[in-house]
Amino acid sequence: MEPISTPRVSCRHLDTFVGKNVLVVGQVIQLRGETALLETDGQVTCLLNREAHLTPGNYAQVIGKVNPDLSVKVLNSLDLGTNVDANGVQSVIDVTHRYPDLFMFRG
C-alpha cells in the first residue's frame, strides 16, 4: 500500500490540491446541515460525514478530499476545542509549503 499524503493547508492552498487529500485546521464559524464553514486564512466549506461532531466557535481538524469547487469532503474530523494557537497553526502550514519535500509524498 502506498503512503497517503495529507499536507496541512489553509484556504489559499486548496486550488493546488484538487482531487487530493489534505489536512485543514480552522475555527468553525458556521454549521448548516451537512456543511461546516472553517476559518483558516480564508473560509473553507467542509462537506461533513455522519461521524463529524463539530461545535461553532471551536477549532477543528479535518482530513478530507478537495473537490473541484474547492470545498473539502470530510473523511475524518476532530473537535480541538477553543485553546488553539491560530498563529502557530499558520506557521506550521507555511513551513510545510516552504519545505514540501520534508512533509509531502510525491505521487
N, C-alpha and C. Protein backbone atom coordinates (compact mmCIF):
# COMPACT_ATOMS: atom_id res chain seq x y z
N MET A 1 0.84 -1.18 0.00
CA MET A 1 0.00 0.00 0.00
C MET A 1 0.89 1.24 0.00
N GLU A 2 0.56 2.19 -0.86
CA GLU A 2 1.32 3.44 -0.93
C GLU A 2 0.93 4.37 0.21
N PRO A 3 1.89 5.15 0.71
CA PRO A 3 1.53 6.13 1.73
C PRO A 3 0.63 7.22 1.15
N ILE A 4 -0.27 7.71 1.95
CA ILE A 4 -1.16 8.77 1.53
C ILE A 4 -0.72 10.06 2.20
N SER A 5 -0.44 11.06 1.40
CA SER A 5 -0.01 12.35 1.93
C SER A 5 -1.22 13.21 2.24
N THR A 6 -1.22 13.80 3.41
CA THR A 6 -2.28 14.74 3.79
C THR A 6 -1.62 16.03 4.26
N PRO A 7 -1.13 16.84 3.32
CA PRO A 7 -0.45 18.07 3.70
C PRO A 7 -1.40 19.03 4.41
N ARG A 8 -0.84 19.77 5.36
CA ARG A 8 -1.61 20.81 6.04
C ARG A 8 -1.78 21.99 5.10
N VAL A 9 -3.01 22.45 4.98
CA VAL A 9 -3.30 23.56 4.07
C VAL A 9 -4.24 24.56 4.74
N SER A 10 -4.26 25.75 4.18
CA SER A 10 -5.26 26.75 4.53
C SER A 10 -6.06 27.04 3.27
N CYS A 11 -6.97 27.95 3.35
CA CYS A 11 -7.85 28.28 2.23
C CYS A 11 -7.06 28.61 0.95
N ARG A 12 -5.97 29.33 1.10
CA ARG A 12 -5.24 29.79 -0.09
C ARG A 12 -4.50 28.68 -0.83
N HIS A 13 -4.39 27.50 -0.26
CA HIS A 13 -3.69 26.40 -0.90
C HIS A 13 -4.62 25.40 -1.59
N LEU A 14 -5.91 25.50 -1.40
CA LEU A 14 -6.84 24.46 -1.86
C LEU A 14 -6.77 24.21 -3.36
N ASP A 15 -6.62 25.26 -4.17
CA ASP A 15 -6.63 25.08 -5.62
C ASP A 15 -5.46 24.23 -6.11
N THR A 16 -4.41 24.13 -5.33
CA THR A 16 -3.25 23.31 -5.68
C THR A 16 -3.50 21.82 -5.43
N PHE A 17 -4.50 21.50 -4.61
CA PHE A 17 -4.71 20.12 -4.17
C PHE A 17 -6.06 19.53 -4.58
N VAL A 18 -6.66 20.02 -5.64
CA VAL A 18 -7.94 19.48 -6.10
C VAL A 18 -7.78 17.99 -6.40
N GLY A 19 -8.69 17.19 -5.84
CA GLY A 19 -8.66 15.75 -6.03
C GLY A 19 -7.72 15.01 -5.09
N LYS A 20 -7.09 15.74 -4.19
CA LYS A 20 -6.13 15.14 -3.26
C LYS A 20 -6.60 15.30 -1.82
N ASN A 21 -6.05 14.47 -0.94
CA ASN A 21 -6.35 14.56 0.49
C ASN A 21 -5.51 15.66 1.14
N VAL A 22 -6.13 16.38 2.07
CA VAL A 22 -5.45 17.45 2.80
C VAL A 22 -5.88 17.41 4.27
N LEU A 23 -5.15 18.13 5.08
CA LEU A 23 -5.49 18.31 6.49
C LEU A 23 -5.69 19.81 6.71
N VAL A 24 -6.85 20.18 7.23
CA VAL A 24 -7.20 21.58 7.47
C VAL A 24 -7.49 21.75 8.96
N VAL A 25 -6.90 22.77 9.57
CA VAL A 25 -7.23 23.14 10.94
C VAL A 25 -7.77 24.57 10.89
N GLY A 26 -8.97 24.75 11.43
CA GLY A 26 -9.57 26.08 11.43
C GLY A 26 -10.66 26.19 12.46
N GLN A 27 -11.11 27.41 12.65
CA GLN A 27 -12.19 27.67 13.61
C GLN A 27 -13.54 27.49 12.90
N VAL A 28 -14.42 26.74 13.52
CA VAL A 28 -15.76 26.51 12.97
C VAL A 28 -16.56 27.79 13.16
N ILE A 29 -16.89 28.46 12.05
CA ILE A 29 -17.64 29.71 12.17
C ILE A 29 -19.11 29.53 11.84
N GLN A 30 -19.45 28.39 11.20
CA GLN A 30 -20.86 28.14 10.91
C GLN A 30 -21.09 26.65 10.66
N LEU A 31 -22.19 26.14 11.18
CA LEU A 31 -22.66 24.79 10.87
C LEU A 31 -24.05 24.93 10.26
N ARG A 32 -24.25 24.26 9.13
CA ARG A 32 -25.56 24.30 8.49
C ARG A 32 -25.80 22.95 7.84
N GLY A 33 -26.64 22.14 8.48
CA GLY A 33 -26.95 20.81 7.94
C GLY A 33 -25.70 19.95 7.84
N GLU A 34 -25.38 19.56 6.63
CA GLU A 34 -24.24 18.67 6.38
C GLU A 34 -22.96 19.44 6.02
N THR A 35 -22.94 20.76 6.24
CA THR A 35 -21.75 21.55 5.91
C THR A 35 -21.28 22.36 7.10
N ALA A 36 -19.99 22.61 7.12
CA ALA A 36 -19.37 23.47 8.12
C ALA A 36 -18.49 24.47 7.38
N LEU A 37 -18.41 25.67 7.92
CA LEU A 37 -17.54 26.70 7.37
C LEU A 37 -16.41 26.91 8.37
N LEU A 38 -15.18 26.68 7.93
CA LEU A 38 -14.00 26.85 8.78
C LEU A 38 -13.22 28.08 8.34
N GLU A 39 -12.73 28.83 9.30
CA GLU A 39 -11.86 29.99 9.04
C GLU A 39 -10.42 29.54 9.19
N THR A 40 -9.69 29.60 8.09
CA THR A 40 -8.28 29.27 8.10
C THR A 40 -7.60 30.05 6.97
N ASP A 41 -7.20 31.28 7.27
CA ASP A 41 -6.60 32.16 6.28
C ASP A 41 -7.56 32.34 5.11
N GLY A 42 -8.84 32.42 5.43
CA GLY A 42 -9.94 32.45 4.48
C GLY A 42 -10.95 31.41 4.91
N GLN A 43 -12.05 31.29 4.19
CA GLN A 43 -13.10 30.36 4.59
C GLN A 43 -13.10 29.11 3.71
N VAL A 44 -13.21 27.96 4.37
CA VAL A 44 -13.25 26.66 3.70
C VAL A 44 -14.59 26.01 4.01
N THR A 45 -15.31 25.60 2.97
CA THR A 45 -16.55 24.87 3.13
C THR A 45 -16.22 23.39 3.23
N CYS A 46 -16.68 22.75 4.31
CA CYS A 46 -16.44 21.33 4.54
C CYS A 46 -17.75 20.58 4.46
N LEU A 47 -17.78 19.53 3.64
CA LEU A 47 -18.95 18.68 3.49
C LEU A 47 -18.79 17.53 4.48
N LEU A 48 -19.57 17.57 5.54
CA LEU A 48 -19.38 16.68 6.69
C LEU A 48 -19.90 15.27 6.43
N ASN A 49 -19.29 14.31 7.12
CA ASN A 49 -19.81 12.95 7.14
C ASN A 49 -20.63 12.77 8.41
N ARG A 50 -21.26 11.63 8.58
CA ARG A 50 -22.14 11.40 9.72
C ARG A 50 -21.41 11.36 11.06
N GLU A 51 -20.12 11.05 11.03
CA GLU A 51 -19.35 10.95 12.27
C GLU A 51 -18.84 12.30 12.77
N ALA A 52 -18.98 13.35 11.98
CA ALA A 52 -18.47 14.68 12.35
C ALA A 52 -19.34 15.30 13.44
N HIS A 53 -18.70 15.68 14.52
CA HIS A 53 -19.39 16.34 15.63
C HIS A 53 -18.60 17.60 16.00
N LEU A 54 -18.86 18.67 15.26
CA LEU A 54 -18.13 19.92 15.45
C LEU A 54 -19.01 20.92 16.18
N THR A 55 -18.37 21.89 16.83
CA THR A 55 -19.08 22.90 17.61
C THR A 55 -18.68 24.29 17.11
N PRO A 56 -19.67 25.14 16.79
CA PRO A 56 -19.34 26.50 16.37
C PRO A 56 -18.50 27.22 17.44
N GLY A 57 -17.47 27.92 16.99
CA GLY A 57 -16.58 28.63 17.89
C GLY A 57 -15.35 27.83 18.27
N ASN A 58 -15.45 26.51 18.19
CA ASN A 58 -14.30 25.65 18.46
C ASN A 58 -13.44 25.52 17.21
N TYR A 59 -12.23 25.08 17.42
CA TYR A 59 -11.36 24.73 16.30
C TYR A 59 -11.57 23.27 15.96
N ALA A 60 -11.30 22.93 14.70
CA ALA A 60 -11.46 21.55 14.25
C ALA A 60 -10.31 21.19 13.33
N GLN A 61 -9.96 19.92 13.37
CA GLN A 61 -9.02 19.36 12.41
C GLN A 61 -9.83 18.47 11.47
N VAL A 62 -9.67 18.69 10.18
CA VAL A 62 -10.42 17.95 9.17
C VAL A 62 -9.44 17.34 8.19
N ILE A 63 -9.61 16.06 7.92
CA ILE A 63 -8.89 15.40 6.84
C ILE A 63 -9.94 15.11 5.78
N GLY A 64 -9.66 15.54 4.56
CA GLY A 64 -10.64 15.33 3.50
C GLY A 64 -10.06 15.52 2.13
N LYS A 65 -10.91 15.32 1.14
CA LYS A 65 -10.51 15.42 -0.26
C LYS A 65 -11.04 16.72 -0.83
N VAL A 66 -10.18 17.46 -1.54
CA VAL A 66 -10.56 18.75 -2.12
C VAL A 66 -11.34 18.52 -3.41
N ASN A 67 -12.54 19.07 -3.46
CA ASN A 67 -13.41 18.99 -4.62
C ASN A 67 -13.06 20.08 -5.63
N PRO A 68 -13.50 19.95 -6.90
CA PRO A 68 -13.22 20.97 -7.91
C PRO A 68 -13.74 22.37 -7.53
N ASP A 69 -14.81 22.43 -6.72
CA ASP A 69 -15.33 23.74 -6.29
C ASP A 69 -14.59 24.27 -5.06
N LEU A 70 -13.49 23.60 -4.67
CA LEU A 70 -12.62 23.94 -3.54
C LEU A 70 -13.27 23.71 -2.17
N SER A 71 -14.39 23.00 -2.14
CA SER A 71 -14.91 22.52 -0.86
C SER A 71 -14.12 21.27 -0.49
N VAL A 72 -14.23 20.85 0.76
CA VAL A 72 -13.50 19.67 1.23
C VAL A 72 -14.50 18.63 1.70
N LYS A 73 -14.46 17.44 1.08
CA LYS A 73 -15.31 16.33 1.51
C LYS A 73 -14.62 15.66 2.69
N VAL A 74 -15.22 15.76 3.86
CA VAL A 74 -14.60 15.30 5.10
C VAL A 74 -14.56 13.78 5.17
N LEU A 75 -13.37 13.25 5.43
CA LEU A 75 -13.19 11.82 5.66
C LEU A 75 -13.09 11.55 7.16
N ASN A 76 -12.49 12.50 7.89
CA ASN A 76 -12.29 12.36 9.32
C ASN A 76 -12.23 13.76 9.92
N SER A 77 -12.79 13.92 11.11
CA SER A 77 -12.74 15.23 11.76
C SER A 77 -12.53 15.06 13.26
N LEU A 78 -11.99 16.11 13.86
CA LEU A 78 -11.72 16.10 15.29
C LEU A 78 -11.95 17.49 15.84
N ASP A 79 -12.82 17.61 16.85
CA ASP A 79 -13.05 18.88 17.53
C ASP A 79 -11.87 19.14 18.46
N LEU A 80 -11.19 20.27 18.28
CA LEU A 80 -10.00 20.61 19.07
C LEU A 80 -10.28 21.55 20.23
N GLY A 81 -11.52 21.99 20.38
CA GLY A 81 -11.86 22.91 21.45
C GLY A 81 -11.48 24.34 21.10
N THR A 82 -11.31 25.17 22.13
CA THR A 82 -11.05 26.60 21.90
C THR A 82 -9.60 27.01 22.15
N ASN A 83 -8.82 26.14 22.76
CA ASN A 83 -7.46 26.50 23.15
C ASN A 83 -6.47 26.11 22.05
N VAL A 84 -6.54 26.82 20.91
CA VAL A 84 -5.67 26.55 19.76
C VAL A 84 -4.98 27.85 19.38
N ASP A 85 -3.69 27.78 19.15
CA ASP A 85 -2.91 28.94 18.72
C ASP A 85 -2.99 29.04 17.20
N ALA A 86 -3.88 29.90 16.71
CA ALA A 86 -4.10 30.03 15.26
C ALA A 86 -2.83 30.48 14.55
N ASN A 87 -2.03 31.34 15.17
CA ASN A 87 -0.78 31.77 14.55
C ASN A 87 0.20 30.60 14.44
N GLY A 88 0.23 29.75 15.44
CA GLY A 88 1.07 28.55 15.40
C GLY A 88 0.65 27.61 14.29
N VAL A 89 -0.65 27.43 14.15
CA VAL A 89 -1.18 26.57 13.08
C VAL A 89 -0.74 27.12 11.72
N GLN A 90 -0.88 28.43 11.53
CA GLN A 90 -0.50 29.04 10.25
C GLN A 90 1.01 28.93 10.01
N SER A 91 1.80 29.03 11.07
CA SER A 91 3.26 28.88 10.93
C SER A 91 3.62 27.48 10.45
N VAL A 92 2.95 26.46 10.99
CA VAL A 92 3.20 25.08 10.56
C VAL A 92 2.82 24.91 9.09
N ILE A 93 1.69 25.49 8.68
CA ILE A 93 1.27 25.41 7.27
C ILE A 93 2.31 26.08 6.38
N ASP A 94 2.79 27.25 6.78
CA ASP A 94 3.79 27.96 5.99
C ASP A 94 5.07 27.14 5.83
N VAL A 95 5.54 26.53 6.90
CA VAL A 95 6.75 25.71 6.84
C VAL A 95 6.52 24.48 5.96
N THR A 96 5.34 23.88 6.06
CA THR A 96 5.00 22.72 5.24
C THR A 96 5.15 23.03 3.76
N HIS A 97 4.72 24.23 3.36
CA HIS A 97 4.76 24.58 1.94
C HIS A 97 6.10 25.19 1.53
N ARG A 98 6.86 25.67 2.48
CA ARG A 98 8.20 26.17 2.18
C ARG A 98 9.17 25.01 1.94
N TYR A 99 8.96 23.89 2.65
CA TYR A 99 9.82 22.71 2.54
C TYR A 99 8.97 21.47 2.24
N PRO A 100 8.34 21.42 1.07
CA PRO A 100 7.39 20.33 0.77
C PRO A 100 8.03 18.95 0.77
N ASP A 101 9.30 18.84 0.42
CA ASP A 101 9.94 17.51 0.38
C ASP A 101 10.02 16.87 1.76
N LEU A 102 9.98 17.67 2.80
CA LEU A 102 10.01 17.13 4.16
C LEU A 102 8.65 16.66 4.65
N PHE A 103 7.57 17.20 4.07
CA PHE A 103 6.24 16.98 4.62
C PHE A 103 5.25 16.29 3.68
N MET A 104 5.55 16.22 2.37
CA MET A 104 4.57 15.70 1.43
C MET A 104 5.17 14.60 0.58
N PHE A 105 4.39 13.54 0.38
CA PHE A 105 4.78 12.47 -0.54
C PHE A 105 4.47 12.94 -1.95
N ARG A 106 5.34 12.63 -2.86
CA ARG A 106 5.09 12.93 -4.28
C ARG A 106 4.61 11.65 -4.94
N GLY A 107 3.48 11.73 -5.60
CA GLY A 107 2.98 10.51 -6.20
C GLY A 107 2.22 10.71 -7.44
